[in-house]
Amino acid sequence: RLISAKPELAKLLATICVSPVRLAFDFIGIRPAYENAIQLLAAEGFDSFTNYMLFNFADTPHDLYDRMYAEGMRQFDEQLQRTPEGSTPRETLRSRTKAFVRAATEDPRRFELLFQRPVPDFVPSPNVVAAATSRLAETAQVARAAGLPDQRAFDLLMGTIRGLISLQIANEPGGDRWVRLVDDAVDIFVDHYT
């Protein structure tokens, strides 16, 4: 807020070596001042910024996690919605599963927040969970169409896929040793149940 209120501070900061510039984002009400400060600093040649959240108002850390969870689920949902249909239910399940794996491995921190729950005592708000379970239910229908007979079979497939993702992230970030097995896993499950 200070840089936005006193633009000459951006010019003054440009005279010293500061990289990255750290900015605080106290609450959503200061968004215009925050965005203005970034623009002022960018005009002075700064191109590296970090952000930290403060909890000076009514927000709690769990409020931040809930917003992060909601945004992460929105991003996952967006990627799954763009998944192309296959010419067979098996191909559609493969495609949906690969989209899930791609979304998970491209942002391991998001995967951790959404599917491994690293924050003690954090439970996402019901409206966020409802949106996530809706997409999961669609994937379960795709799995049933491909031949997985029930929730138990679907849970086993999801556990296997998440295990492959976790192995990939932990042991070969950016590689494909485990995630290249996704099609094989889908085929094994479909063949077993059909």
Protein backbone atom coordinates (compact mmCIF):
# COMPACT_ATOMS: atom_id res chain seq x y z
CA ARG A 1 0.00 0.00 0.00
CA LEU A 2 2.89 2.32 0.75
CA ILE A 3 4.36 2.15 -2.77
CA SER A 4 0.94 2.73 -4.29
CA ALA A 5 0.40 5.74 -2.03
CA LYS A 6 3.91 7.14 -2.69
CA PRO A 7 5.01 6.21 -6.25
CA GLU A 8 8.37 7.94 -5.74
CA LEU A 9 9.32 4.99 -3.48
CA ALA A 10 9.37 2.71 -6.54
CA LYS A 11 11.99 5.00 -8.13
CA LEU A 12 13.98 5.01 -4.89
CA LEU A 13 13.90 1.21 -4.62
CA ALA A 14 15.22 0.99 -8.20
CA THR A 15 18.46 2.60 -7.02
CA ILE A 16 19.36 -0.40 -4.84
CA CYS A 17 19.77 -4.08 -5.64
CA VAL A 18 16.51 -5.72 -4.60
CA SER A 19 15.54 -9.01 -6.16
CA PRO A 20 12.99 -10.30 -5.76
CA VAL A 21 10.75 -7.55 -4.44
CA ARG A 22 8.66 -8.87 -1.55
CA LEU A 23 5.11 -7.59 -1.34
CA ALA A 24 2.50 -8.22 1.31
CA PHE A 25 -1.09 -8.97 0.40
CA ASP A 26 -3.08 -8.31 3.56
CA PHE A 27 -6.61 -8.94 2.31
CA ILE A 28 -8.66 -8.76 -0.87
CA GLY A 29 -9.69 -5.17 -0.17
CA ILE A 30 -6.19 -3.89 -1.02
CA ARG A 31 -6.06 -5.61 -4.40
CA PRO A 32 -6.15 -2.35 -6.43
CA ALA A 33 -3.27 -0.84 -4.41
CA TYR A 34 -1.33 -4.12 -4.63
CA GLU A 35 -1.74 -4.30 -8.42
CA ASN A 36 -0.79 -0.62 -8.75
CA ALA A 37 2.38 -1.21 -6.72
CA ILE A 38 3.40 -4.08 -9.03
CA GLN A 39 2.84 -1.88 -12.09
CA LEU A 40 4.86 0.98 -10.57
CA LEU A 41 7.73 -1.36 -9.69
CA ALA A 42 7.64 -3.05 -13.11
CA ALA A 43 7.87 0.39 -14.75
CA GLU A 44 11.10 0.90 -12.79
CA GLY A 45 12.57 -2.33 -14.16
CA PHE A 46 11.68 -4.84 -11.48
CA ASP A 47 10.66 -8.20 -12.93
CA SER A 48 10.89 -10.59 -9.98
CA PHE A 49 8.33 -10.51 -7.18
CA THR A 50 7.41 -12.69 -4.24
CA ASN A 51 4.27 -12.43 -2.25
CA TYR A 52 3.38 -13.23 1.30
CA MET A 53 0.04 -13.24 2.99
CA LEU A 54 -0.69 -11.54 6.27
CA PHE A 55 -3.55 -12.43 8.56
CA ASN A 56 -4.13 -9.04 10.11
CA PHE A 57 -7.85 -8.96 9.55
CA ALA A 58 -10.57 -11.57 9.95
CA ASP A 59 -8.79 -14.22 7.86
CA THR A 60 -7.13 -17.24 9.41
CA PRO A 61 -4.49 -19.50 7.84
CA HIS A 62 -7.27 -22.03 7.17
CA ASP A 63 -9.14 -19.35 5.18
CA LEU A 64 -6.07 -19.01 2.97
CA TYR A 65 -5.81 -22.80 2.57
CA ASP A 66 -9.48 -22.97 1.64
CA ARG A 67 -8.97 -20.35 -1.08
CA MET A 68 -5.87 -22.18 -2.30
CA TYR A 69 -7.75 -25.49 -2.29
CA ALA A 70 -10.65 -23.94 -4.21
CA GLU A 71 -8.30 -22.44 -6.80
CA GLY A 72 -6.39 -25.71 -7.15
CA MET A 73 -9.62 -27.64 -7.67
CA ARG A 74 -10.78 -25.05 -10.20
CA GLN A 75 -7.54 -25.53 -12.14
CA PHE A 76 -7.88 -29.32 -12.01
CA ASP A 77 -11.50 -29.07 -13.10
CA GLU A 78 -10.57 -26.82 -16.00
CA GLN A 79 -8.00 -29.32 -17.26
CA LEU A 80 -10.35 -32.27 -16.88
CA GLN A 81 -13.12 -30.44 -18.75
CA ARG A 82 -10.77 -30.03 -21.72
CA THR A 83 -10.09 -33.77 -21.85
CA PRO A 84 -11.00 -35.16 -25.27
CA GLU A 85 -13.43 -38.03 -25.51
CA GLY A 86 -11.99 -41.27 -26.82
CA SER A 87 -13.58 -43.42 -29.50
CA THR A 88 -14.26 -46.07 -26.83
CA PRO A 89 -15.04 -45.84 -23.11
CA ARG A 90 -11.58 -47.31 -22.37
CA GLU A 91 -9.89 -44.57 -24.41
CA THR A 92 -12.00 -41.92 -22.67
CA LEU A 93 -10.94 -43.31 -19.27
CA ARG A 94 -7.30 -43.31 -20.38
CA SER A 95 -7.62 -39.73 -21.58
CA ARG A 96 -9.30 -38.56 -18.37
CA THR A 97 -6.72 -40.37 -16.24
CA LYS A 98 -3.80 -38.91 -18.19
CA ALA A 99 -5.27 -35.41 -17.83
CA PHE A 100 -5.47 -35.95 -14.06
CA VAL A 101 -1.86 -37.19 -13.97
CA ARG A 102 -0.65 -34.28 -16.10
CA ALA A 103 -2.42 -31.75 -13.84
CA ALA A 104 -0.93 -33.40 -10.76
CA THR A 105 2.66 -33.66 -11.96
CA GLU A 106 2.84 -30.20 -13.47
CA ASP A 107 2.23 -28.66 -10.04
CA PRO A 108 3.31 -31.02 -7.23
CA ARG A 109 2.51 -28.49 -4.50
CA ARG A 110 -1.06 -28.22 -5.72
CA PHE A 111 -1.31 -32.03 -5.84
CA GLU A 112 -0.03 -32.21 -2.26
CA LEU A 113 -2.54 -29.65 -1.00
CA LEU A 114 -5.48 -31.22 -2.80
CA PHE A 115 -4.81 -34.93 -2.37
CA GLN A 116 -2.39 -35.43 0.51
CA ARG A 117 -3.75 -32.87 2.98
CA PRO A 118 -0.46 -31.65 4.50
CA VAL A 119 -2.10 -28.97 6.67
CA PRO A 120 -3.11 -30.35 10.08
CA ASP A 121 -6.80 -29.92 10.94
CA PHE A 122 -7.63 -28.31 7.59
CA VAL A 123 -10.90 -29.42 6.02
CA PRO A 124 -12.01 -27.66 2.84
CA SER A 125 -15.35 -25.88 2.91
CA PRO A 126 -18.39 -27.89 1.79
CA ASN A 127 -19.00 -25.86 -1.39
CA VAL A 128 -15.43 -26.49 -2.58
CA VAL A 129 -15.71 -30.21 -1.81
CA ALA A 130 -19.03 -30.37 -3.69
CA ALA A 131 -17.43 -29.04 -6.87
CA ALA A 132 -14.57 -31.54 -6.58
CA THR A 133 -16.81 -34.53 -5.93
CA SER A 134 -18.95 -33.61 -8.93
CA ARG A 135 -15.96 -34.00 -11.29
CA LEU A 136 -14.93 -37.20 -9.48
CA ALA A 137 -18.43 -38.61 -10.00
CA GLU A 138 -18.15 -37.90 -13.73
CA THR A 139 -14.85 -39.78 -13.82
CA ALA A 140 -16.45 -42.68 -11.96
CA GLN A 141 -19.17 -42.81 -14.64
CA VAL A 142 -16.47 -42.90 -17.33
CA ALA A 143 -14.82 -45.79 -15.45
CA ARG A 144 -18.12 -47.68 -15.21
CA ALA A 145 -18.70 -47.21 -18.94
CA ALA A 146 -15.22 -48.67 -19.52
CA GLY A 147 -16.08 -51.76 -17.46
CA LEU A 148 -15.19 -51.05 -13.83
CA PRO A 149 -18.26 -52.45 -12.06
CA ASP A 150 -18.46 -50.56 -8.80
CA GLN A 151 -17.05 -47.98 -6.38
CA ARG A 152 -14.54 -50.49 -5.00
CA ALA A 153 -12.96 -51.00 -8.44
CA PHE A 154 -12.93 -47.25 -9.07
CA ASP A 155 -11.32 -46.56 -5.67
CA LEU A 156 -8.62 -49.12 -6.42
CA LEU A 157 -7.92 -47.50 -9.79
CA MET A 158 -7.74 -44.02 -8.25
CA GLY A 159 -5.44 -45.25 -5.49
CA THR A 160 -3.15 -46.86 -8.04
CA ILE A 161 -3.04 -43.73 -10.20
CA ARG A 162 -2.36 -41.47 -7.21
CA GLY A 163 0.38 -43.87 -6.14
CA LEU A 164 2.02 -43.59 -9.55
CA ILE A 165 1.79 -39.80 -9.33
CA SER A 166 3.34 -39.79 -5.85
CA LEU A 167 6.19 -42.07 -6.96
CA GLN A 168 6.84 -39.82 -9.95
CA ILE A 169 6.90 -36.61 -7.92
CA ALA A 170 9.04 -38.09 -5.15
CA ASN A 171 11.57 -39.99 -7.24
CA GLU A 172 11.81 -38.42 -10.68
CA PRO A 173 10.24 -34.94 -10.79
CA GLY A 174 9.74 -33.86 -14.37
CA GLY A 175 10.32 -37.37 -15.71
CA ASP A 176 7.93 -40.08 -16.78
CA ARG A 177 9.16 -43.37 -15.27
CA TRP A 178 5.96 -43.97 -13.29
CA VAL A 179 3.39 -41.84 -15.06
CA ARG A 180 4.08 -43.57 -18.38
CA LEU A 181 2.49 -46.64 -16.75
CA VAL A 182 -0.93 -44.96 -16.53
CA ASP A 183 -2.33 -46.49 -19.73
CA ASP A 184 -1.09 -49.92 -18.61
CA ALA A 185 -2.80 -49.46 -15.23
CA VAL A 186 -6.10 -48.48 -16.86
CA ASP A 187 -5.86 -51.45 -19.24
CA ILE A 188 -5.10 -53.88 -16.41
CA PHE A 189 -8.14 -52.69 -14.46
CA VAL A 190 -10.49 -52.71 -17.44
CA ASP A 191 -9.25 -56.12 -18.59
CA HIS A 192 -9.59 -57.54 -15.09
CA TYR A 193 -13.20 -56.42 -14.71
CA THR A 194 -14.49 -57.06 -18.22
